[in-house]
PDB file of N, CA and C in Angstrom:
ATOM      1  N   UNK A   1      77.423 166.329 130.399  1.00  0.00           N
ATOM      2  CA  UNK A   1      78.454 165.296 130.210  1.00  0.00           C
ATOM      3  C   UNK A   1      78.151 164.263 129.166  1.00  0.00           C
ATOM      4  N   UNK A   2      79.687 164.322 128.553  1.00  0.00           N
ATOM      5  CA  UNK A   2      79.937 163.901 127.245  1.00  0.00           C
ATOM      6  C   UNK A   2      80.610 162.556 127.365  1.00  0.00           C
ATOM      7  N   UNK A   3      80.184 161.705 126.862  1.00  0.00           N
ATOM      8  CA  UNK A   3      81.220 160.627 126.860  1.00  0.00           C
ATOM      9  C   UNK A   3      80.915 159.399 125.702  1.00  0.00           C
ATOM     10  N   UNK A   4      81.885 159.079 125.243  1.00  0.00           N
ATOM     11  CA  UNK A   4      82.081 158.232 124.158  1.00  0.00           C
ATOM     12  C   UNK A   4      82.049 156.522 124.824  1.00  0.00           C
ATOM     13  N   UNK A   5      80.858 155.855 123.917  1.00  0.00           N
ATOM     14  CA  UNK A   5      80.883 154.536 124.311  1.00  0.00           C
ATOM     15  C   UNK A   5      81.220 153.589 122.923  1.00  0.00           C
ATOM     16  N   UNK A   6      81.952 152.436 123.459  1.00  0.00           N
ATOM     17  CA  UNK A   6      82.399 151.633 122.616  1.00  0.00           C
ATOM     18  C   UNK A   6      81.418 150.783 122.937  1.00  0.00           C
ATOM     19  N   UNK A   7      81.753 149.275 121.426  1.00  0.00           N
ATOM     20  CA  UNK A   7      80.642 148.415 121.409  1.00  0.00           C
ATOM     21  C   UNK A   7      80.593 147.959 122.949  1.00  0.00           C
ATOM     22  N   UNK A   8      81.435 147.606 123.527  1.00  0.00           N
ATOM     23  CA  UNK A   8      81.317 146.711 124.956  1.00  0.00           C
ATOM     24  C   UNK A   8      80.176 147.504 125.914  1.00  0.00           C
ATOM     25  N   UNK A   9      80.496 148.833 125.626  1.00  0.00           N
ATOM     26  CA  UNK A   9      79.528 149.548 126.876  1.00  0.00           C
ATOM     27  C   UNK A   9      78.264 150.351 126.304  1.00  0.00           C
ATOM     28  N   UNK A  10      78.321 150.411 124.745  1.00  0.00           N
ATOM     29  CA  UNK A  10      76.683 150.644 124.185  1.00  0.00           C
ATOM     30  C   UNK A  10      75.728 150.236 124.628  1.00  0.00           C
ATOM     31  N   UNK A  11      75.716 148.980 124.619  1.00  0.00           N
ATOM     32  CA  UNK A  11      74.327 148.029 124.844  1.00  0.00           C
ATOM     33  C   UNK A  11      73.842 147.812 126.393  1.00  0.00           C
ATOM     34  N   UNK A  12      74.935 148.091 126.930  1.00  0.00           N
ATOM     35  CA  UNK A  12      74.600 147.878 128.488  1.00  0.00           C
ATOM     36  C   UNK A  12      74.293 149.269 128.891  1.00  0.00           C
ATOM     37  N   UNK A  13      74.589 150.376 128.362  1.00  0.00           N
ATOM     38  CA  UNK A  13      74.219 151.630 128.693  1.00  0.00           C
ATOM     39  C   UNK A  13      72.491 152.013 127.977  1.00  0.00           C
ATOM     40  N   UNK A  14      72.460 151.548 126.402  1.00  0.00           N
ATOM     41  CA  UNK A  14      71.209 151.440 126.159  1.00  0.00           C
ATOM     42  C   UNK A  14      70.177 150.959 126.958  1.00  0.00           C
ATOM     43  N   UNK A  15      70.462 149.836 127.326  1.00  0.00           N
ATOM     44  CA  UNK A  15      69.396 148.801 128.051  1.00  0.00           C
ATOM     45  C   UNK A  15      69.284 149.426 129.537  1.00  0.00           C
ATOM     46  N   UNK A  16      70.283 150.212 130.050  1.00  0.00           N
ATOM     47  CA  UNK A  16      69.974 150.653 131.605  1.00  0.00           C
ATOM     48  C   UNK A  16      69.478 151.772 131.657  1.00  0.00           C
ATOM     49  N   UNK A  17      69.655 152.825 130.474  1.00  0.00           N
ATOM     50  CA  UNK A  17      68.968 153.972 130.464  1.00  0.00           C
ATOM     51  C   UNK A  17      67.692 153.764 129.980  1.00  0.00           C
ATOM     52  N   UNK A  18      67.164 153.024 129.202  1.00  0.00           N
ATOM     53  CA  UNK A  18      65.733 152.892 128.669  1.00  0.00           C
ATOM     54  C   UNK A  18      64.940 152.223 130.093  1.00  0.00           C
ATOM     55  N   UNK A  19      65.491 151.539 130.975  1.00  0.00           N
ATOM     56  CA  UNK A  19      65.169 150.822 131.975  1.00  0.00           C
ATOM     57  C   UNK A  19      64.753 151.781 132.894  1.00  0.00           C
ATOM     58  N   UNK A  20      66.135 152.675 133.309  1.00  0.00           N
ATOM     59  CA  UNK A  20      66.033 153.682 134.328  1.00  0.00           C
ATOM     60  C   UNK A  20      64.988 155.221 134.134  1.00  0.00           C
ATOM     61  N   UNK A  21      64.679 155.504 132.447  1.00  0.00           N
ATOM     62  CA  UNK A  21      64.179 156.504 132.124  1.00  0.00           C
ATOM     63  C   UNK A  21      62.816 156.500 133.069  1.00  0.00           C
ATOM     64  N   UNK A  22      62.621 157.764 133.459  1.00  0.00           N
ATOM     65  CA  UNK A  22      61.437 158.238 134.106  1.00  0.00           C
ATOM     66  C   UNK A  22      60.505 158.949 133.449  1.00  0.00           C
ATOM     67  N   UNK A  23      60.852 159.231 132.018  1.00  0.00           N
ATOM     68  CA  UNK A  23      60.244 159.873 131.093  1.00  0.00           C
ATOM     69  C   UNK A  23      59.671 159.069 129.876  1.00  0.00           C
ATOM     70  N   UNK A  24      59.332 159.804 128.835  1.00  0.00           N
ATOM     71  CA  UNK A  24      59.204 159.037 127.859  1.00  0.00           C
ATOM     72  C   UNK A  24      60.362 158.784 126.966  1.00  0.00           C
ATOM     73  N   UNK A  25      60.584 158.053 126.106  1.00  0.00           N
ATOM     74  CA  UNK A  25      61.582 157.155 125.600  1.00  0.00           C
ATOM     75  C   UNK A  25      61.233 157.406 124.043  1.00  0.00           C
ATOM     76  N   UNK A  26      62.131 157.999 123.292  1.00  0.00           N
ATOM     77  CA  UNK A  26      62.122 158.341 121.842  1.00  0.00           C
ATOM     78  C   UNK A  26      63.068 157.698 121.376  1.00  0.00           C
ATOM     79  N   UNK A  27      62.908 156.779 120.238  1.00  0.00           N
ATOM     80  CA  UNK A  27      63.943 155.944 119.601  1.00  0.00           C
ATOM     81  C   UNK A  27      63.688 156.332 118.001  1.00  0.00           C
ATOM     82  N   UNK A  28      64.764 156.352 117.589  1.00  0.00           N
ATOM     83  CA  UNK A  28      64.560 156.615 115.867  1.00  0.00           C
ATOM     84  C   UNK A  28      66.093 155.854 115.317  1.00  0.00           C
ATOM     85  N   UNK A  29      65.339 154.791 114.913  1.00  0.00           N
ATOM     86  CA  UNK A  29      66.304 153.747 114.182  1.00  0.00           C
ATOM     87  C   UNK A  29      65.919 153.029 112.790  1.00  0.00           C
ATOM     88  N   UNK A  30      66.173 153.087 111.651  1.00  0.00           N
ATOM     89  CA  UNK A  30      65.697 152.619 110.577  1.00  0.00           C
ATOM     90  C   UNK A  30      65.233 151.148 110.943  1.00  0.00           C
ATOM     91  N   UNK A  31      66.500 150.043 111.176  1.00  0.00           N
ATOM     92  CA  UNK A  31      66.031 148.979 111.027  1.00  0.00           C
ATOM     93  C   UNK A  31      65.628 148.069 112.583  1.00  0.00           C
ATOM     94  N   UNK A  32      64.902 147.304 112.317  1.00  0.00           N
ATOM     95  CA  UNK A  32      64.593 146.411 113.962  1.00  0.00           C
ATOM     96  C   UNK A  32      64.466 144.952 113.212  1.00  0.00           C
ATOM     97  N   UNK A  33      65.494 144.379 113.886  1.00  0.00           N
ATOM     98  CA  UNK A  33      65.524 143.212 113.383  1.00  0.00           C
ATOM     99  C   UNK A  33      64.866 141.964 114.511  1.00  0.00           C
ATOM    100  N   UNK A  34      65.147 140.803 114.335  1.00  0.00           N
ATOM    101  CA  UNK A  34      64.632 139.913 115.310  1.00  0.00           C
ATOM    102  C   UNK A  34      64.849 139.795 116.473  1.00  0.00           C
ATOM    103  N   UNK A  35      64.184 140.046 117.466  1.00  0.00           N
ATOM    104  CA  UNK A  35      64.797 140.002 118.859  1.00  0.00           C
ATOM    105  C   UNK A  35      64.722 141.697 119.629  1.00  0.00           C
ATOM    106  N   UNK A  36      64.524 142.592 118.523  1.00  0.00           N
ATOM    107  CA  UNK A  36      64.439 144.067 118.903  1.00  0.00           C
ATOM    108  C   UNK A  36      64.026 144.268 120.237  1.00  0.00           C
ATOM    109  N   UNK A  37      62.696 143.758 120.495  1.00  0.00           N
ATOM    110  CA  UNK A  37      61.548 144.386 121.303  1.00  0.00           C
ATOM    111  C   UNK A  37      62.134 144.260 122.828  1.00  0.00           C
ATOM    112  N   UNK A  38      63.092 142.867 122.676  1.00  0.00           N
ATOM    113  CA  UNK A  38      63.905 142.706 124.158  1.00  0.00           C
ATOM    114  C   UNK A  38      65.028 143.248 124.422  1.00  0.00           C
ATOM    115  N   UNK A  39      65.676 144.072 123.498  1.00  0.00           N
ATOM    116  CA  UNK A  39      66.575 144.702 123.829  1.00  0.00           C
ATOM    117  C   UNK A  39      66.834 146.295 124.512  1.00  0.00           C
ATOM    118  N   UNK A  40      65.466 146.763 124.394  1.00  0.00           N
ATOM    119  CA  UNK A  40      65.316 147.914 125.280  1.00  0.00           C
ATOM    120  C   UNK A  40      64.219 147.740 126.033  1.00  0.00           C
ATOM    121  N   UNK A  41      64.148 148.689 127.250  1.00  0.00           N
ATOM    122  CA  UNK A  41      62.739 148.339 127.818  1.00  0.00           C
ATOM    123  C   UNK A  41      61.704 149.504 127.608  1.00  0.00           C
ATOM    124  N   UNK A  42      61.142 149.569 126.129  1.00  0.00           N
ATOM    125  CA  UNK A  42      60.133 150.356 125.869  1.00  0.00           C
ATOM    126  C   UNK A  42      58.813 150.208 126.371  1.00  0.00           C
ATOM    127  N   UNK A  43      58.127 150.976 126.460  1.00  0.00           N
ATOM    128  CA  UNK A  43      56.558 150.816 127.118  1.00  0.00           C
ATOM    129  C   UNK A  43      55.574 151.813 126.464  1.00  0.00           C
ATOM    130  N   UNK A  44      54.511 151.937 127.245  1.00  0.00           N
ATOM    131  CA  UNK A  44      53.412 152.592 126.739  1.00  0.00           C
ATOM    132  C   UNK A  44      53.669 153.876 126.890  1.00  0.00           C
ATOM    133  N   UNK A  45      53.643 154.879 125.849  1.00  0.00           N
ATOM    134  CA  UNK A  45      53.777 156.296 125.598  1.00  0.00           C
ATOM    135  C   UNK A  45      55.343 156.446 125.127  1.00  0.00           C
ATOM    136  N   UNK A  46      56.011 155.431 125.001  1.00  0.00           N
ATOM    137  CA  UNK A  46      56.966 155.757 124.178  1.00  0.00           C
ATOM    138  C   UNK A  46      56.956 155.909 122.763  1.00  0.00           C
ATOM    139  N   UNK A  47      58.079 156.418 121.981  1.00  0.00           N
ATOM    140  CA  UNK A  47      57.632 156.612 120.630  1.00  0.00           C
ATOM    141  C   UNK A  47      58.771 155.867 119.805  1.00  0.00           C
ATOM    142  N   UNK A  48      58.626 155.221 118.734  1.00  0.00           N
ATOM    143  CA  UNK A  48      59.328 154.241 117.927  1.00  0.00           C
ATOM    144  C   UNK A  48      59.380 155.066 116.612  1.00  0.00           C
ATOM    145  N   UNK A  49      60.423 155.634 115.896  1.00  0.00           N
ATOM    146  CA  UNK A  49      60.335 155.927 114.295  1.00  0.00           C
ATOM    147  C   UNK A  49      61.132 154.961 113.953  1.00  0.00           C
ATOM    148  N   UNK A  50      60.945 154.119 112.888  1.00  0.00           N
ATOM    149  CA  UNK A  50      61.743 153.286 111.950  1.00  0.00           C
ATOM    150  C   UNK A  50      61.224 153.361 110.329  1.00  0.00           C
ATOM    151  N   UNK A  51      61.921 152.451 109.666  1.00  0.00           N
ATOM    152  CA  UNK A  51      61.996 152.705 108.282  1.00  0.00           C
ATOM    153  C   UNK A  51      61.512 151.432 108.018  1.00  0.00           C
ATOM    154  N   UNK A  52      59.962 151.449 108.507  1.00  0.00           N
ATOM    155  CA  UNK A  52      59.041 150.239 108.095  1.00  0.00           C
ATOM    156  C   UNK A  52      58.457 150.443 106.744  1.00  0.00           C
ATOM    157  N   UNK A  53      58.766 149.448 106.177  1.00  0.00           N
ATOM    158  CA  UNK A  53      58.544 149.563 104.627  1.00  0.00           C
ATOM    159  C   UNK A  53      58.397 148.379 104.184  1.00  0.00           C
ATOM    160  N   UNK A  54      57.487 147.683 102.964  1.00  0.00           N
ATOM    161  CA  UNK A  54      57.217 146.458 102.265  1.00  0.00           C
ATOM    162  C   UNK A  54      58.781 146.076 102.291  1.00  0.00           C
ATOM    163  N   UNK A  55      59.521 146.892 101.599  1.00  0.00           N
ATOM    164  CA  UNK A  55      61.113 146.286 101.027  1.00  0.00           C
ATOM    165  C   UNK A  55      61.805 145.805 101.767  1.00  0.00           C
ATOM    166  N   UNK A  56      61.825 146.581 102.939  1.00  0.00           N
ATOM    167  CA  UNK A  56      62.499 146.299 104.399  1.00  0.00           C
ATOM    168  C   UNK A  56      62.245 145.420 105.321  1.00  0.00           C
ATOM    169  N   UNK A  57      60.823 144.930 105.167  1.00  0.00           N
ATOM    170  CA  UNK A  57      60.228 143.884 105.780  1.00  0.00           C
ATOM    171  C   UNK A  57      60.802 142.535 104.988  1.00  0.00           C
ATOM    172  N   UNK A  58      60.699 142.303 103.682  1.00  0.00           N
ATOM    173  CA  UNK A  58      60.967 141.447 102.604  1.00  0.00           C
ATOM    174  C   UNK A  58      62.503 141.156 102.795  1.00  0.00           C
ATOM    175  N   UNK A  59      63.410 142.412 103.111  1.00  0.00           N
ATOM    176  CA  UNK A  59      64.839 141.558 102.853  1.00  0.00           C
ATOM    177  C   UNK A  59      65.433 141.481 104.710  1.00  0.00           C
ATOM    178  N   UNK A  60      64.425 141.642 105.344  1.00  0.00           N
ATOM    179  CA  UNK A  60      64.916 141.301 106.759  1.00  0.00           C
ATOM    180  C   UNK A  60      65.462 142.527 107.829  1.00  0.00           C
ATOM    181  N   UNK A  61      65.504 143.571 107.150  1.00  0.00           N
ATOM    182  CA  UNK A  61      65.735 144.763 107.852  1.00  0.00           C
ATOM    183  C   UNK A  61      64.935 145.282 109.134  1.00  0.00           C
ATOM    184  N   UNK A  62      63.524 145.124 108.808  1.00  0.00           N
ATOM    185  CA  UNK A  62      62.662 145.483 109.468  1.00  0.00           C
ATOM    186  C   UNK A  62      62.045 144.106 109.807  1.00  0.00           C
ATOM    187  N   UNK A  63      61.765 143.630 111.010  1.00  0.00           N
ATOM    188  CA  UNK A  63      60.450 142.781 111.366  1.00  0.00           C
ATOM    189  C   UNK A  63      59.505 143.003 111.665  1.00  0.00           C
ATOM    190  N   UNK A  64      58.320 142.715 111.166  1.00  0.00           N
ATOM    191  CA  UNK A  64      56.914 143.329 111.152  1.00  0.00           C
ATOM    192  C   UNK A  64      56.697 142.778 112.829  1.00  0.00           C
ATOM    193  N   UNK A  65      56.694 141.581 113.304  1.00  0.00           N
ATOM    194  CA  UNK A  65      56.813 141.121 114.154  1.00  0.00           C
ATOM    195  C   UNK A  65      57.407 141.584 115.785  1.00  0.00           C
ATOM    196  N   UNK A  66      58.403 142.193 115.344  1.00  0.00           N
ATOM    197  CA  UNK A  66      58.745 143.062 116.755  1.00  0.00           C
ATOM    198  C   UNK A  66      58.156 144.490 116.609  1.00  0.00           C
ATOM    199  N   UNK A  67      58.048 145.065 115.592  1.00  0.00           N
ATOM    200  CA  UNK A  67      56.970 146.031 115.529  1.00  0.00           C
ATOM    201  C   UNK A  67      55.578 145.900 116.298  1.00  0.00           C
ATOM    202  N   UNK A  68      54.925 144.755 115.965  1.00  0.00           N
ATOM    203  CA  UNK A  68      53.721 144.633 116.745  1.00  0.00           C
ATOM    204  C   UNK A  68      53.713 144.298 117.995  1.00  0.00           C
ATOM    205  N   UNK A  69      55.039 143.345 118.514  1.00  0.00           N
ATOM    206  CA  UNK A  69      55.258 143.402 119.988  1.00  0.00           C
ATOM    207  C   UNK A  69      55.359 144.849 120.836  1.00  0.00           C
ATOM    208  N   UNK A  70      56.042 145.466 120.380  1.00  0.00           N
ATOM    209  CA  UNK A  70      56.111 146.797 120.682  1.00  0.00           C
ATOM    210  C   UNK A  70      55.171 147.990 120.790  1.00  0.00           C
ATOM    211  N   UNK A  71      53.957 147.791 119.800  1.00  0.00           N
ATOM    212  CA  UNK A  71      52.842 148.264 119.889  1.00  0.00           C
ATOM    213  C   UNK A  71      52.049 147.829 120.743  1.00  0.00           C
ATOM    214  N   UNK A  72      51.854 146.242 120.747  1.00  0.00           N
ATOM    215  CA  UNK A  72      51.039 145.661 121.862  1.00  0.00           C
ATOM    216  C   UNK A  72      51.415 146.217 123.462  1.00  0.00           C
ATOM    217  N   UNK A  73      52.825 146.769 123.562  1.00  0.00           N
ATOM    218  CA  UNK A  73      53.034 147.143 124.777  1.00  0.00           C
ATOM    219  C   UNK A  73      52.569 148.682 124.872  1.00  0.00           C
ATOM    220  N   UNK A  74      52.341 149.467 123.971  1.00  0.00           N
ATOM    221  CA  UNK A  74      51.870 150.632 123.847  1.00  0.00           C
ATOM    222  C   UNK A  74      52.588 151.690 123.306  1.00  0.00           C
ATOM    223  N   UNK A  75      53.846 151.152 122.922  1.00  0.00           N
ATOM    224  CA  UNK A  75      54.873 152.045 122.105  1.00  0.00           C
ATOM    225  C   UNK A  75      54.040 152.534 120.813  1.00  0.00           C
ATOM    226  N   UNK A  76      54.282 153.948 120.569  1.00  0.00           N
ATOM    227  CA  UNK A  76      53.841 154.466 119.590  1.00  0.00           C
ATOM    228  C   UNK A  76      54.801 154.379 118.210  1.00  0.00           C
ATOM    229  N   UNK A  77      54.158 153.742 117.077  1.00  0.00           N
ATOM    230  CA  UNK A  77      55.325 153.915 116.197  1.00  0.00           C
ATOM    231  C   UNK A  77      54.959 154.511 114.989  1.00  0.00           C
ATOM    232  N   UNK A  78      55.983 155.205 114.214  1.00  0.00           N
ATOM    233  CA  UNK A  78      55.955 155.997 113.426  1.00  0.00           C
ATOM    234  C   UNK A  78      56.702 155.552 112.362  1.00  0.00           C
ATOM    235  N   UNK A  79      56.635 155.865 110.870  1.00  0.00           N
ATOM    236  CA  UNK A  79      57.371 155.574 109.754  1.00  0.00           C
ATOM    237  C   UNK A  79      57.981 156.775 109.167  1.00  0.00           C
ATOM    238  N   UNK A  80      59.165 156.239 108.711  1.00  0.00           N
ATOM    239  CA  UNK A  80      59.952 157.509 107.922  1.00  0.00           C
ATOM    240  C   UNK A  80      61.028 156.164 107.148  1.00  0.00           C
ATOM    241  N   UNK A  81      60.512 156.494 106.002  1.00  0.00           N
ATOM    242  CA  UNK A  81      61.208 155.529 105.127  1.00  0.00           C
ATOM    243  C   UNK A  81      62.796 155.673 104.684  1.00  0.00           C
ATOM    244  N   UNK A  82      63.027 156.944 104.718  1.00  0.00           N
ATOM    245  CA  UNK A  82      64.290 157.321 104.161  1.00  0.00           C
ATOM    246  C   UNK A  82      65.276 157.741 105.614  1.00  0.00           C
ATOM    247  N   UNK A  83      64.836 157.058 106.713  1.00  0.00           N
ATOM    248  CA  UNK A  83      65.315 157.436 107.833  1.00  0.00           C
ATOM    249  C   UNK A  83      66.811 156.558 107.972  1.00  0.00           C
ATOM    250  N   UNK A  84      67.825 157.310 108.363  1.00  0.00           N
ATOM    251  CA  UNK A  84      68.932 156.693 108.564  1.00  0.00           C
ATOM    252  C   UNK A  84      69.717 156.775 109.680  1.00  0.00           C
ATOM    253  N   UNK A  85      69.123 158.004 110.415  1.00  0.00           N
ATOM    254  CA  UNK A  85      69.791 158.082 111.760  1.00  0.00           C
ATOM    255  C   UNK A  85      69.344 157.047 112.863  1.00  0.00           C
ATOM    256  N   UNK A  86      70.375 156.948 113.959  1.00  0.00           N
ATOM    257  CA  UNK A  86      70.278 156.200 115.152  1.00  0.00           C
ATOM    258  C   UNK A  86      70.381 156.946 116.447  1.00  0.00           C
ATOM    259  N   UNK A  87      69.192 157.337 116.829  1.00  0.00           N
ATOM    260  CA  UNK A  87      68.945 158.037 117.875  1.00  0.00           C
ATOM    261  C   UNK A  87      68.364 157.819 119.048  1.00  0.00           C
ATOM    262  N   UNK A  88      68.721 157.379 120.280  1.00  0.00           N
ATOM    263  CA  UNK A  88      67.975 157.190 121.287  1.00  0.00           C
ATOM    264  C   UNK A  88      68.019 158.056 122.209  1.00  0.00           C
ATOM    265  N   UNK A  89      66.684 158.720 122.511  1.00  0.00           N
ATOM    266  CA  UNK A  89      66.424 159.668 123.607  1.00  0.00           C
ATOM    267  C   UNK A  89      65.779 158.701 125.060  1.00  0.00           C
ATOM    268  N   UNK A  90      66.602 159.000 125.617  1.00  0.00           N
ATOM    269  CA  UNK A  90      65.899 157.855 126.830  1.00  0.00           C
ATOM    270  C   UNK A  90      65.961 158.682 128.325  1.00  0.00           C
ATOM    271  N   UNK A  91      64.627 159.304 128.583  1.00  0.00           N
ATOM    272  CA  UNK A  91      64.602 160.368 129.561  1.00  0.00           C
ATOM    273  C   UNK A  91      65.576 161.522 129.426  1.00  0.00           C
ATOM    274  N   UNK A  92      66.515 161.867 130.440  1.00  0.00           N
ATOM    275  CA  UNK A  92      67.425 163.023 130.256  1.00  0.00           C
ATOM    276  C   UNK A  92      68.382 162.471 129.630  1.00  0.00           C
ATOM    277  N   UNK A  93      68.602 161.390 128.955  1.00  0.00           N
ATOM    278  CA  UNK A  93      70.098 161.182 128.206  1.00  0.00           C
ATOM    279  C   UNK A  93      69.879 160.695 126.759  1.00  0.00           C
ATOM    280  N   UNK A  94      70.835 161.256 126.041  1.00  0.00           N
ATOM    281  CA  UNK A  94      70.841 161.001 124.582  1.00  0.00           C
ATOM    282  C   UNK A  94      71.882 160.110 124.526  1.00  0.00           C
ATOM    283  N   UNK A  95      71.608 159.326 123.245  1.00  0.00           N
ATOM    284  CA  UNK A  95      72.567 158.378 122.686  1.00  0.00           C
ATOM    285  C   UNK A  95      72.583 158.576 121.106  1.00  0.00           C
ATOM    286  N   UNK A  96      73.461 158.846 120.580  1.00  0.00           N
ATOM    287  CA  UNK A  96      73.540 158.813 118.940  1.00  0.00           C
ATOM    288  C   UNK A  96      74.558 157.883 118.729  1.00  0.00           C
ATOM    289  N   UNK A  97      74.148 157.099 117.952  1.00  0.00           N
ATOM    290  CA  UNK A  97      74.849 155.846 117.713  1.00  0.00           C
ATOM    291  C   UNK A  97      74.972 155.304 116.157  1.00  0.00           C
ATOM    292  N   UNK A  98      75.622 154.269 116.117  1.00  0.00           N
ATOM    293  CA  UNK A  98      75.850 153.490 114.480  1.00  0.00           C
ATOM    294  C   UNK A  98      74.861 152.463 114.664  1.00  0.00           C
ATOM    295  N   UNK A  99      74.454 152.285 115.813  1.00  0.00           N
ATOM    296  CA  UNK A  99      73.568 150.906 116.247  1.00  0.00           C
ATOM    297  C   UNK A  99      72.387 150.925 115.793  1.00  0.00           C
ATOM    298  N   UNK A 100      71.654 149.971 115.150  1.00  0.00           N
ATOM    299  CA  UNK A 100      70.086 149.591 114.762  1.00  0.00           C
ATOM    300  C   UNK A 100      69.817 148.852 115.809  1.00  0.00           C
ATOM    301  N   UNK A 101      68.456 148.995 116.002  1.00  0.00           N
ATOM    302  CA  UNK A 101      67.862 147.988 117.039  1.00  0.00           C
ATOM    303  C   UNK A 101      67.877 146.580 116.859  1.00  0.00           C
ATOM    304  N   UNK A 102      69.029 145.828 117.019  1.00  0.00           N
ATOM    305  CA  UNK A 102      68.738 144.605 116.578  1.00  0.00           C
ATOM    306  C   UNK A 102      69.487 143.657 117.305  1.00  0.00           C
ATOM    307  N   UNK A 103      69.572 142.256 117.428  1.00  0.00           N
ATOM    308  CA  UNK A 103      70.529 141.340 117.984  1.00  0.00           C
ATOM    309  C   UNK A 103      71.777 141.154 117.200  1.00  0.00           C
ATOM    310  N   UNK A 104      71.579 141.161 115.999  1.00  0.00           N
ATOM    311  CA  UNK A 104      72.871 141.471 114.580  1.00  0.00           C
ATOM    312  C   UNK A 104      73.765 142.675 115.199  1.00  0.00           C
ATOM    313  N   UNK A 105      73.220 143.701 115.733  1.00  0.00           N
ATOM    314  CA  UNK A 105      74.016 144.922 115.644  1.00  0.00           C
ATOM    315  C   UNK A 105      74.581 144.789 117.378  1.00  0.00           C
ATOM    316  N   UNK A 106      74.009 144.133 117.944  1.00  0.00           N
ATOM    317  CA  UNK A 106      74.049 143.968 119.700  1.00  0.00           C
ATOM    318  C   UNK A 106      75.429 143.187 119.507  1.00  0.00           C
ATOM    319  N   UNK A 107      75.341 141.805 118.777  1.00  0.00           N
ATOM    320  CA  UNK A 107      76.528 140.768 118.870  1.00  0.00           C
ATOM    321  C   UNK A 107      77.584 140.730 118.040  1.00  0.00           C
ATOM    322  N   UNK A 108      76.916 141.046 116.679  1.00  0.00           N
ATOM    323  CA  UNK A 108      78.091 140.930 115.682  1.00  0.00           C
ATOM    324  C   UNK A 108      78.524 142.118 115.107  1.00  0.00           C
ATOM    325  N   UNK A 109      78.191 143.402 115.448  1.00  0.00           N
ATOM    326  CA  UNK A 109      78.791 144.306 114.684  1.00  0.00           C
ATOM    327  C   UNK A 109      79.745 145.438 115.724  1.00  0.00           C
ATOM    328  N   UNK A 110      80.460 146.241 115.280  1.00  0.00           N
ATOM    329  CA  UNK A 110      81.594 147.013 116.179  1.00  0.00           C
ATOM    330  C   UNK A 110      80.790 148.277 115.958  1.00  0.00           C
ATOM    331  N   UNK A 111      80.136 148.702 116.915  1.00  0.00           N
ATOM    332  CA  UNK A 111      79.118 149.672 117.031  1.00  0.00           C
ATOM    333  C   UNK A 111      79.814 150.646 118.048  1.00  0.00           C
ATOM    334  N   UNK A 112      79.739 152.106 117.776  1.00  0.00           N
ATOM    335  CA  UNK A 112      80.032 153.213 118.719  1.00  0.00           C
ATOM    336  C   UNK A 112      79.040 154.177 118.834  1.00  0.00           C
ATOM    337  N   UNK A 113      79.239 155.122 119.876  1.00  0.00           N
ATOM    338  CA  UNK A 113      78.071 156.069 120.041  1.00  0.00           C
ATOM    339  C   UNK A 113      78.633 157.034 120.629  1.00  0.00           C
ATOM    340  N   UNK A 114      78.084 158.419 121.138  1.00  0.00           N
ATOM    341  CA  UNK A 114      78.127 159.588 121.864  1.00  0.00           C
ATOM    342  C   UNK A 114      77.071 159.539 122.683  1.00  0.00           C
ATOM    343  N   UNK A 115      77.365 159.731 124.476  1.00  0.00           N
ATOM    344  CA  UNK A 115      76.182 159.820 125.264  1.00  0.00           C
ATOM    345  C   UNK A 115      76.260 160.952 125.926  1.00  0.00           C
ATOM    346  N   UNK A 116      75.133 161.664 125.930  1.00  0.00           N
ATOM    347  CA  UNK A 116      75.128 163.087 126.489  1.00  0.00           C
ATOM    348  C   UNK A 116      73.823 163.072 127.717  1.00  0.00           C
ATOM    349  N   UNK A 117      73.894 163.928 128.331  1.00  0.00           N
ATOM    350  CA  UNK A 117      73.031 164.575 129.104  1.00  0.00           C
ATOM    351  C   UNK A 117      72.922 166.385 129.432  1.00  0.00           C
ATOM    352  N   UNK A 118      73.457 166.500 128.194  1.00  0.00           N
ATOM    353  CA  UNK A 118      73.600 168.016 127.775  1.00  0.00           C
ATOM    354  C   UNK A 118      72.123 168.521 127.402  1.00  0.00           C
ATOM    355  N   UNK A 119      71.694 169.364 127.906  1.00  0.00           N
ATOM    356  CA  UNK A 119      70.069 170.019 127.828  1.00  0.00           C
ATOM    357  C   UNK A 119      70.171 170.583 126.692  1.00  0.00           C
ATOM    358  N   UNK A 120      70.951 171.260 126.091  1.00  0.00           N
ATOM    359  CA  UNK A 120      70.844 171.836 124.903  1.00  0.00           C
ATOM    360  C   UNK A 120      70.860 170.914 123.610  1.00  0.00           C
ATOM    361  N   UNK A 121      71.382 169.626 124.118  1.00  0.00           N
ATOM    362  CA  UNK A 121      71.384 168.726 122.531  1.00  0.00           C
ATOM    363  C   UNK A 121      69.941 167.687 122.909  1.00  0.00           C
ATOM    364  N   UNK A 122      69.488 167.721 124.147  1.00  0.00           N
ATOM    365  CA  UNK A 122      68.342 166.842 124.207  1.00  0.00           C
ATOM    366  C   UNK A 122      67.052 167.650 123.987  1.00  0.00           C
ATOM    367  N   UNK A 123      67.369 169.004 123.908  1.00  0.00           N
ATOM    368  CA  UNK A 123      66.240 169.795 123.360  1.00  0.00           C
ATOM    369  C   UNK A 123      66.123 169.843 121.932  1.00  0.00           C
ATOM    370  N   UNK A 124      67.212 169.994 121.390  1.00  0.00           N
ATOM    371  CA  UNK A 124      67.724 169.908 120.024  1.00  0.00           C
ATOM    372  C   UNK A 124      67.136 168.425 119.246  1.00  0.00           C
ATOM    373  N   UNK A 125      67.350 167.357 119.835  1.00  0.00           N
ATOM    374  CA  UNK A 125      66.866 166.093 119.661  1.00  0.00           C
ATOM    375  C   UNK A 125      65.559 165.907 119.599  1.00  0.00           C
ATOM    376  N   UNK A 126      64.900 166.277 120.673  1.00  0.00           N
ATOM    377  CA  UNK A 126      63.525 166.464 120.769  1.00  0.00           C
ATOM    378  C   UNK A 126      62.714 167.307 119.348  1.00  0.00           C
TER     379      UNK A 126
END
């Protein structure tokens, strides 16, 4: 399955796939804005890779509070300051998108993504 997601379908699909996932979720997004922890159903054992740095916290690209909320739920957080990719591996589905994990992305930007369940793609993302 390969499907294009426009802005109107992207966030509904991200939320639904994170909620329905039976396995571990892996999310790689550079930026997490205010309200990010509410956007996906991330929980204990899930993994988040983000561009958490002092500079990104100062300029508001990464909210330390949102990172703390996710960590308090048991989400494992890893840092890669040069991260630019936005990849959501939610169970057996992958969404490669332009969208960061933020309310700004959800409500203000015209985002797009490709959604797949192709097993080869899933393996390569992992």
